[in-house]
Amino acid sequence: MKRPNITDYQYSDRTIYRRDLDKYIDYAESQNKELRDVKEKLVTHNLQLIEQISNLKIQKK
């Protein structure tokens, strides 16, 4: 992801410096990756559960 060309960002009465923005962006990107990993595990687990339920329905018949 290309980062915006920002040196400092004025926010209200506080200046956020570029090094802080980089730190926030890195943290957000790592959290996003973790959430994607968790989502992938949940989807996989849900598919396994659906398959198990289908197998139980077949066995019940």
PDB file of N, CA and C in Angstrom:
ATOM      1  N   MET A   1       0.851  -1.187   0.000  1.00  0.00           N
ATOM      2  CA  MET A   1       0.000   0.000   0.000  1.00  0.00           C
ATOM      3  C   MET A   1       0.888   1.239   0.000  1.00  0.00           C
ATOM      4  N   LYS A   2       0.640   2.155  -0.908  1.00  0.00           N
ATOM      5  CA  LYS A   2       1.431   3.366  -0.976  1.00  0.00           C
ATOM      6  C   LYS A   2       0.956   4.350   0.077  1.00  0.00           C
ATOM      7  N   ARG A   3       1.898   4.841   0.847  1.00  0.00           N
ATOM      8  CA  ARG A   3       1.551   5.782   1.913  1.00  0.00           C
ATOM      9  C   ARG A   3       1.533   7.207   1.380  1.00  0.00           C
ATOM     10  N   PRO A   4       0.644   8.021   1.917  1.00  0.00           N
ATOM     11  CA  PRO A   4       0.582   9.411   1.441  1.00  0.00           C
ATOM     12  C   PRO A   4       1.871  10.154   1.793  1.00  0.00           C
ATOM     13  N   ASN A   5       2.190  11.126   0.978  1.00  0.00           N
ATOM     14  CA  ASN A   5       3.394  11.918   1.199  1.00  0.00           C
ATOM     15  C   ASN A   5       3.069  13.030   2.195  1.00  0.00           C
ATOM     16  N   ILE A   6       3.201  12.723   3.467  1.00  0.00           N
ATOM     17  CA  ILE A   6       2.847  13.676   4.519  1.00  0.00           C
ATOM     18  C   ILE A   6       4.066  13.856   5.424  1.00  0.00           C
ATOM     19  N   THR A   7       4.398  15.081   5.718  1.00  0.00           N
ATOM     20  CA  THR A   7       5.470  15.291   6.682  1.00  0.00           C
ATOM     21  C   THR A   7       4.866  15.417   8.074  1.00  0.00           C
ATOM     22  N   ASP A   8       3.950  16.324   8.241  1.00  0.00           N
ATOM     23  CA  ASP A   8       3.238  16.471   9.503  1.00  0.00           C
ATOM     24  C   ASP A   8       1.763  16.706   9.187  1.00  0.00           C
ATOM     25  N   TYR A   9       0.912  16.384  10.146  1.00  0.00           N
ATOM     26  CA  TYR A   9      -0.519  16.564   9.946  1.00  0.00           C
ATOM     27  C   TYR A   9      -1.056  17.334  11.126  1.00  0.00           C
ATOM     28  N   GLN A  10      -1.669  18.482  10.854  1.00  0.00           N
ATOM     29  CA  GLN A  10      -2.207  19.311  11.922  1.00  0.00           C
ATOM     30  C   GLN A  10      -3.605  18.825  12.270  1.00  0.00           C
ATOM     31  N   TYR A  11      -3.794  18.432  13.524  1.00  0.00           N
ATOM     32  CA  TYR A  11      -5.095  17.947  13.967  1.00  0.00           C
ATOM     33  C   TYR A  11      -5.495  18.756  15.181  1.00  0.00           C
ATOM     34  N   SER A  12      -6.468  19.626  15.007  1.00  0.00           N
ATOM     35  CA  SER A  12      -6.932  20.487  16.080  1.00  0.00           C
ATOM     36  C   SER A  12      -5.744  21.279  16.616  1.00  0.00           C
ATOM     37  N   ASP A  13      -5.429  21.112  17.901  1.00  0.00           N
ATOM     38  CA  ASP A  13      -4.314  21.869  18.468  1.00  0.00           C
ATOM     39  C   ASP A  13      -3.062  20.994  18.603  1.00  0.00           C
ATOM     40  N   ARG A  14      -3.089  19.816  17.962  1.00  0.00           N
ATOM     41  CA  ARG A  14      -1.993  18.861  18.126  1.00  0.00           C
ATOM     42  C   ARG A  14      -1.409  18.510  16.756  1.00  0.00           C
ATOM     43  N   THR A  15      -0.110  18.487  16.655  1.00  0.00           N
ATOM     44  CA  THR A  15       0.546  18.083  15.421  1.00  0.00           C
ATOM     45  C   THR A  15       0.937  16.617  15.532  1.00  0.00           C
ATOM     46  N   ILE A  16       0.534  15.833  14.552  1.00  0.00           N
ATOM     47  CA  ILE A  16       0.923  14.426  14.490  1.00  0.00           C
ATOM     48  C   ILE A  16       2.068  14.332  13.500  1.00  0.00           C
ATOM     49  N   TYR A  17       3.186  13.816  13.947  1.00  0.00           N
ATOM     50  CA  TYR A  17       4.362  13.756  13.102  1.00  0.00           C
ATOM     51  C   TYR A  17       4.363  12.506  12.234  1.00  0.00           C
ATOM     52  N   ARG A  18       5.102  12.570  11.134  1.00  0.00           N
ATOM     53  CA  ARG A  18       5.144  11.487  10.163  1.00  0.00           C
ATOM     54  C   ARG A  18       5.550  10.155  10.809  1.00  0.00           C
ATOM     55  N   ARG A  19       6.531  10.183  11.718  1.00  0.00           N
ATOM     56  CA  ARG A  19       6.981   8.929  12.341  1.00  0.00           C
ATOM     57  C   ARG A  19       5.839   8.298  13.140  1.00  0.00           C
ATOM     58  N   ASP A  20       4.988   9.136  13.752  1.00  0.00           N
ATOM     59  CA  ASP A  20       3.838   8.610  14.486  1.00  0.00           C
ATOM     60  C   ASP A  20       2.804   8.025  13.521  1.00  0.00           C
ATOM     61  N   LEU A  21       2.588   8.705  12.395  1.00  0.00           N
ATOM     62  CA  LEU A  21       1.647   8.194  11.393  1.00  0.00           C
ATOM     63  C   LEU A  21       2.116   6.846  10.883  1.00  0.00           C
ATOM     64  N   ASP A  22       3.429   6.714  10.619  1.00  0.00           N
ATOM     65  CA  ASP A  22       3.966   5.435  10.148  1.00  0.00           C
ATOM     66  C   ASP A  22       3.723   4.344  11.175  1.00  0.00           C
ATOM     67  N   LYS A  23       3.903   4.676  12.455  1.00  0.00           N
ATOM     68  CA  LYS A  23       3.695   3.697  13.527  1.00  0.00           C
ATOM     69  C   LYS A  23       2.220   3.285  13.572  1.00  0.00           C
ATOM     70  N   TYR A  24       1.305   4.253  13.456  1.00  0.00           N
ATOM     71  CA  TYR A  24      -0.130   3.951  13.476  1.00  0.00           C
ATOM     72  C   TYR A  24      -0.530   3.104  12.271  1.00  0.00           C
ATOM     73  N   ILE A  25       0.019   3.446  11.099  1.00  0.00           N
ATOM     74  CA  ILE A  25      -0.293   2.699   9.879  1.00  0.00           C
ATOM     75  C   ILE A  25       0.211   1.270   9.989  1.00  0.00           C
ATOM     76  N   ASP A  26       1.441   1.078  10.484  1.00  0.00           N
ATOM     77  CA  ASP A  26       1.999  -0.267  10.651  1.00  0.00           C
ATOM     78  C   ASP A  26       1.142  -1.084  11.606  1.00  0.00           C
ATOM     79  N   TYR A  27       0.707  -0.468  12.706  1.00  0.00           N
ATOM     80  CA  TYR A  27      -0.126  -1.167  13.687  1.00  0.00           C
ATOM     81  C   TYR A  27      -1.459  -1.576  13.061  1.00  0.00           C
ATOM     82  N   ALA A  28      -2.075  -0.650  12.329  1.00  0.00           N
ATOM     83  CA  ALA A  28      -3.366  -0.940  11.700  1.00  0.00           C
ATOM     84  C   ALA A  28      -3.223  -2.050  10.662  1.00  0.00           C
ATOM     85  N   GLU A  29      -2.134  -2.034   9.897  1.00  0.00           N
ATOM     86  CA  GLU A  29      -1.923  -3.081   8.897  1.00  0.00           C
ATOM     87  C   GLU A  29      -1.725  -4.441   9.562  1.00  0.00           C
ATOM     88  N   SER A  30      -1.012  -4.482  10.678  1.00  0.00           N
ATOM     89  CA  SER A  30      -0.803  -5.767  11.362  1.00  0.00           C
ATOM     90  C   SER A  30      -2.114  -6.277  11.964  1.00  0.00           C
ATOM     91  N   GLN A  31      -2.921  -5.376  12.507  1.00  0.00           N
ATOM     92  CA  GLN A  31      -4.217  -5.776  13.053  1.00  0.00           C
ATOM     93  C   GLN A  31      -5.126  -6.289  11.940  1.00  0.00           C
ATOM     94  N   ASN A  32      -5.077  -5.641  10.787  1.00  0.00           N
ATOM     95  CA  ASN A  32      -5.891  -6.049   9.646  1.00  0.00           C
ATOM     96  C   ASN A  32      -5.499  -7.455   9.195  1.00  0.00           C
ATOM     97  N   LYS A  33      -4.194  -7.737   9.163  1.00  0.00           N
ATOM     98  CA  LYS A  33      -3.725  -9.066   8.765  1.00  0.00           C
ATOM     99  C   LYS A  33      -4.192 -10.107   9.782  1.00  0.00           C
ATOM    100  N   GLU A  34      -4.093  -9.786  11.072  1.00  0.00           N
ATOM    101  CA  GLU A  34      -4.554 -10.722  12.100  1.00  0.00           C
ATOM    102  C   GLU A  34      -6.045 -11.009  11.950  1.00  0.00           C
ATOM    103  N   LEU A  35      -6.834  -9.976  11.696  1.00  0.00           N
ATOM    104  CA  LEU A  35      -8.276 -10.161  11.532  1.00  0.00           C
ATOM    105  C   LEU A  35      -8.598 -11.012  10.311  1.00  0.00           C
ATOM    106  N   ARG A  36      -7.840 -10.811   9.211  1.00  0.00           N
ATOM    107  CA  ARG A  36      -8.050 -11.636   8.022  1.00  0.00           C
ATOM    108  C   ARG A  36      -7.732 -13.098   8.312  1.00  0.00           C
ATOM    109  N   ASP A  37      -6.661 -13.335   9.090  1.00  0.00           N
ATOM    110  CA  ASP A  37      -6.294 -14.709   9.457  1.00  0.00           C
ATOM    111  C   ASP A  37      -7.388 -15.356  10.303  1.00  0.00           C
ATOM    112  N   VAL A  38      -7.920 -14.599  11.266  1.00  0.00           N
ATOM    113  CA  VAL A  38      -8.988 -15.125  12.125  1.00  0.00           C
ATOM    114  C   VAL A  38     -10.235 -15.417  11.286  1.00  0.00           C
ATOM    115  N   LYS A  39     -10.567 -14.518  10.373  1.00  0.00           N
ATOM    116  CA  LYS A  39     -11.735 -14.713   9.511  1.00  0.00           C
ATOM    117  C   LYS A  39     -11.565 -15.974   8.675  1.00  0.00           C
ATOM    118  N   GLU A  40     -10.364 -16.185   8.129  1.00  0.00           N
ATOM    119  CA  GLU A  40     -10.110 -17.371   7.315  1.00  0.00           C
ATOM    120  C   GLU A  40     -10.277 -18.649   8.142  1.00  0.00           C
ATOM    121  N   LYS A  41      -9.792 -18.634   9.387  1.00  0.00           N
ATOM    122  CA  LYS A  41      -9.944 -19.802  10.260  1.00  0.00           C
ATOM    123  C   LYS A  41     -11.411 -20.060  10.574  1.00  0.00           C
ATOM    124  N   LEU A  42     -12.183 -18.997  10.818  1.00  0.00           N
ATOM    125  CA  LEU A  42     -13.610 -19.160  11.110  1.00  0.00           C
ATOM    126  C   LEU A  42     -14.373 -19.714   9.912  1.00  0.00           C
ATOM    127  N   VAL A  43     -14.062 -19.221   8.731  1.00  0.00           N
ATOM    128  CA  VAL A  43     -14.725 -19.713   7.526  1.00  0.00           C
ATOM    129  C   VAL A  43     -14.408 -21.191   7.331  1.00  0.00           C
ATOM    130  N   THR A  44     -13.146 -21.561   7.514  1.00  0.00           N
ATOM    131  CA  THR A  44     -12.743 -22.958   7.377  1.00  0.00           C
ATOM    132  C   THR A  44     -13.467 -23.829   8.395  1.00  0.00           C
ATOM    133  N   HIS A  45     -13.529 -23.356   9.622  1.00  0.00           N
ATOM    134  CA  HIS A  45     -14.199 -24.120  10.681  1.00  0.00           C
ATOM    135  C   HIS A  45     -15.697 -24.266  10.385  1.00  0.00           C
ATOM    136  N   ASN A  46     -16.319 -23.187   9.920  1.00  0.00           N
ATOM    137  CA  ASN A  46     -17.750 -23.245   9.574  1.00  0.00           C
ATOM    138  C   ASN A  46     -18.002 -24.253   8.462  1.00  0.00           C
ATOM    139  N   LEU A  47     -17.125 -24.280   7.465  1.00  0.00           N
ATOM    140  CA  LEU A  47     -17.284 -25.246   6.381  1.00  0.00           C
ATOM    141  C   LEU A  47     -17.147 -26.675   6.901  1.00  0.00           C
ATOM    142  N   GLN A  48     -16.223 -26.887   7.835  1.00  0.00           N
ATOM    143  CA  GLN A  48     -16.061 -28.216   8.429  1.00  0.00           C
ATOM    144  C   GLN A  48     -17.321 -28.614   9.205  1.00  0.00           C
ATOM    145  N   LEU A  49     -17.885 -27.674   9.934  1.00  0.00           N
ATOM    146  CA  LEU A  49     -19.113 -27.963  10.686  1.00  0.00           C
ATOM    147  C   LEU A  49     -20.269 -28.288   9.750  1.00  0.00           C
ATOM    148  N   ILE A  50     -20.394 -27.541   8.679  1.00  0.00           N
ATOM    149  CA  ILE A  50     -21.459 -27.802   7.706  1.00  0.00           C
ATOM    150  C   ILE A  50     -21.299 -29.197   7.119  1.00  0.00           C
ATOM    151  N   GLU A  51     -20.060 -29.567   6.806  1.00  0.00           N
ATOM    152  CA  GLU A  51     -19.809 -30.904   6.262  1.00  0.00           C
ATOM    153  C   GLU A  51     -20.162 -31.986   7.280  1.00  0.00           C
ATOM    154  N   GLN A  52     -19.821 -31.767   8.549  1.00  0.00           N
ATOM    155  CA  GLN A  52     -20.148 -32.737   9.599  1.00  0.00           C
ATOM    156  C   GLN A  52     -21.663 -32.883   9.760  1.00  0.00           C
ATOM    157  N   ILE A  53     -22.372 -31.764   9.716  1.00  0.00           N
ATOM    158  CA  ILE A  53     -23.842 -31.805   9.834  1.00  0.00           C
ATOM    159  C   ILE A  53     -24.429 -32.560   8.656  1.00  0.00           C
ATOM    160  N   SER A  54     -23.908 -32.304   7.459  1.00  0.00           N
ATOM    161  CA  SER A  54     -24.395 -33.010   6.268  1.00  0.00           C
ATOM    162  C   SER A  54     -24.167 -34.506   6.409  1.00  0.00           C
ATOM    163  N   ASN A  55     -23.007 -34.890   6.907  1.00  0.00           N
ATOM    164  CA  ASN A  55     -22.705 -36.312   7.103  1.00  0.00           C
ATOM    165  C   ASN A  55     -23.645 -36.937   8.130  1.00  0.00           C
ATOM    166  N   LEU A  56     -23.966 -36.207   9.168  1.00  0.00           N
ATOM    167  CA  LEU A  56     -24.885 -36.729  10.179  1.00  0.00           C
ATOM    168  C   LEU A  56     -26.284 -36.925   9.595  1.00  0.00           C
ATOM    169  N   LYS A  57     -26.727 -35.966   8.755  1.00  0.00           N
ATOM    170  CA  LYS A  57     -28.044 -36.083   8.128  1.00  0.00           C
ATOM    171  C   LYS A  57     -28.089 -37.292   7.211  1.00  0.00           C
ATOM    172  N   ILE A  58     -26.995 -37.544   6.493  1.00  0.00           N
ATOM    173  CA  ILE A  58     -26.934 -38.696   5.590  1.00  0.00           C
ATOM    174  C   ILE A  58     -26.995 -39.986   6.402  1.00  0.00           C
ATOM    175  N   GLN A  59     -26.248 -40.030   7.510  1.00  0.00           N
ATOM    176  CA  GLN A  59     -26.226 -41.232   8.353  1.00  0.00           C
ATOM    177  C   GLN A  59     -27.590 -41.493   8.987  1.00  0.00           C
ATOM    178  N   LYS A  60     -28.307 -40.422   9.310  1.00  0.00           N
ATOM    179  CA  LYS A  60     -29.599 -40.542   9.981  1.00  0.00           C
ATOM    180  C   LYS A  60     -30.644 -41.178   9.067  1.00  0.00           C
ATOM    181  N   LYS A  61     -30.536 -40.940   7.759  1.00  0.00           N
ATOM    182  CA  LYS A  61     -31.549 -41.440   6.805  1.00  0.00           C
ATOM    183  C   LYS A  61     -31.542 -42.907   6.703  1.00  0.00           C
TER     184      LYS A  61
END
